[in-house]
Amino acid sequence: AESQKGCTIRVMDNGCATGGNSAFILSQLVKELAADSGTQVKAYLNDIPENEWGILSSTMHSKMSSEIAQNHFSFEELPKTMYGELLSIKTGQMDLVYSSTALHWQTVIPILPLANP
């Protein structure tokens, strides 16, 4: 991946929960972008207001400590539903928005057809 030297890449993770999946993905992104170019990754971690925000903060500080210390990574918590406006960035736009949540709560488990009965 290419980036301009010294720029900031803005990333949003919708549905970050306590940060385990977020930290893995974001550490890989920092590894690819920041190590050689000096690019900073700024993460916006979004989940519902009832999320365990203390655990998320601990997870990020624990798993991303060297990236934070080297000023390659910073994060902001967004305790809002992802179905409305989350934030407004006046100086630019979001570079990457993703969600690593693959299965949402369902009232019924879907029945999948067998490929080769």
Protein backbone atom coordinates (compact mmCIF):
# COMPACT_ATOMS: atom_id res chain seq x y z
CA ALA A 1 0.00 0.00 0.00
CA GLU A 2 1.25 3.48 -0.84
CA SER A 3 0.73 6.60 1.23
CA GLN A 4 2.18 10.09 1.36
CA LYS A 5 4.99 10.55 3.86
CA GLY A 6 3.72 11.93 7.15
CA CYS A 7 0.02 11.90 6.32
CA THR A 8 -2.84 10.57 8.44
CA ILE A 9 -5.01 7.67 7.29
CA ARG A 10 -8.47 7.75 8.92
CA VAL A 11 -10.09 4.38 9.56
CA MET A 12 -13.45 3.54 11.15
CA ASP A 13 -14.38 0.17 12.61
CA ASN A 14 -18.16 -0.15 13.04
CA GLY A 15 -19.08 -2.68 15.71
CA CYS A 16 -15.65 -2.81 17.38
CA ALA A 17 -16.91 -4.44 20.63
CA THR A 18 -13.96 -4.84 23.02
CA GLY A 19 -11.31 -4.36 20.33
CA GLY A 20 -9.74 -7.79 19.81
CA ASN A 21 -10.50 -7.94 16.08
CA SER A 22 -9.90 -4.20 15.71
CA ALA A 23 -6.41 -4.37 17.22
CA PHE A 24 -5.36 -7.19 14.89
CA ILE A 25 -6.57 -5.44 11.73
CA LEU A 26 -5.27 -2.02 12.77
CA SER A 27 -1.84 -3.36 13.75
CA GLN A 28 -1.51 -4.89 10.28
CA LEU A 29 -2.52 -1.60 8.70
CA VAL A 30 0.03 0.33 10.79
CA LYS A 31 2.69 -2.24 9.92
CA GLU A 32 2.08 -1.73 6.20
CA LEU A 33 1.68 2.04 6.22
CA ALA A 34 3.51 3.63 9.11
CA ALA A 35 6.77 1.79 9.58
CA ASP A 36 8.57 3.18 6.54
CA SER A 37 6.58 6.26 5.57
CA GLY A 38 5.81 7.93 8.90
CA THR A 39 2.09 7.77 8.17
CA GLN A 40 -0.17 7.86 11.21
CA VAL A 41 -3.28 5.69 11.41
CA LYS A 42 -6.15 7.39 13.26
CA ALA A 43 -8.87 4.88 14.18
CA TYR A 44 -12.45 5.76 15.03
CA LEU A 45 -13.86 2.83 17.01
CA ASN A 46 -17.64 2.72 16.89
CA ASP A 47 -20.17 0.63 18.79
CA ILE A 48 -23.40 1.11 20.69
CA PRO A 49 -23.29 3.29 23.83
CA GLU A 50 -23.74 0.19 26.04
CA ASN A 51 -20.46 -1.31 24.80
CA GLU A 52 -17.70 -2.15 27.30
CA TRP A 53 -15.68 1.01 26.53
CA GLY A 54 -13.23 0.50 29.40
CA ILE A 55 -12.30 -2.93 28.07
CA LEU A 56 -11.95 -1.53 24.55
CA SER A 57 -9.59 1.21 25.75
CA SER A 58 -7.52 -1.32 27.75
CA THR A 59 -7.35 -3.66 24.76
CA MET A 60 -6.17 -0.94 22.40
CA HIS A 61 -3.56 0.42 24.84
CA SER A 62 -2.33 -3.09 25.55
CA LYS A 63 -2.20 -4.47 22.00
CA MET A 64 -1.19 -1.22 20.26
CA SER A 65 1.20 0.18 22.89
CA SER A 66 4.31 0.33 20.70
CA GLU A 67 2.38 1.86 17.79
CA ILE A 68 0.91 4.51 20.14
CA ALA A 69 4.34 5.23 21.69
CA GLN A 70 5.90 5.69 18.24
CA ASN A 71 3.07 8.07 17.26
CA HIS A 72 2.05 5.76 14.40
CA PHE A 73 -1.41 5.13 15.85
CA SER A 74 -4.15 6.91 17.77
CA PHE A 75 -7.80 6.13 18.35
CA GLU A 76 -11.07 7.73 19.34
CA GLU A 77 -14.12 5.98 20.74
CA LEU A 78 -17.51 6.67 19.14
CA PRO A 79 -20.32 5.41 21.40
CA LYS A 80 -23.15 5.84 18.88
CA THR A 81 -25.29 3.64 16.69
CA MET A 82 -23.82 3.15 13.22
CA TYR A 83 -27.27 3.75 11.69
CA GLY A 84 -27.04 7.54 12.11
CA GLU A 85 -24.42 10.24 11.57
CA LEU A 86 -21.29 9.21 13.44
CA LEU A 87 -18.98 12.18 13.05
CA SER A 88 -18.05 14.99 10.76
CA ILE A 89 -14.42 15.39 9.78
CA LYS A 90 -13.81 18.96 8.69
CA THR A 91 -10.27 18.49 7.40
CA GLY A 92 -10.86 15.55 5.09
CA GLN A 93 -12.71 12.33 4.65
CA MET A 94 -12.63 8.83 6.04
CA ASP A 95 -10.16 6.69 4.11
CA LEU A 96 -11.49 3.27 5.16
CA VAL A 97 -14.68 2.18 6.91
CA TYR A 98 -15.19 -1.49 7.74
CA SER A 99 -16.95 -3.89 10.05
CA SER A 100 -15.51 -7.24 11.02
CA THR A 101 -18.87 -8.39 12.36
CA ALA A 102 -20.03 -11.13 10.01
CA LEU A 103 -23.22 -12.30 11.74
CA HIS A 104 -25.78 -10.03 13.32
CA TRP A 105 -28.27 -11.16 15.93
CA GLN A 106 -31.11 -13.05 14.32
CA THR A 107 -34.32 -14.40 15.79
CA VAL A 108 -34.09 -17.59 13.70
CA ILE A 109 -31.03 -19.53 12.55
CA PRO A 110 -31.17 -19.65 8.73
CA ILE A 111 -31.51 -23.06 7.11
CA LEU A 112 -28.93 -23.46 4.38
CA PRO A 113 -29.42 -25.90 1.52
CA LEU A 114 -26.89 -28.69 1.22
CA ALA A 115 -24.53 -28.26 -1.72
CA ASN A 116 -24.24 -31.98 -2.51
CA PRO A 117 -26.98 -34.01 -0.77
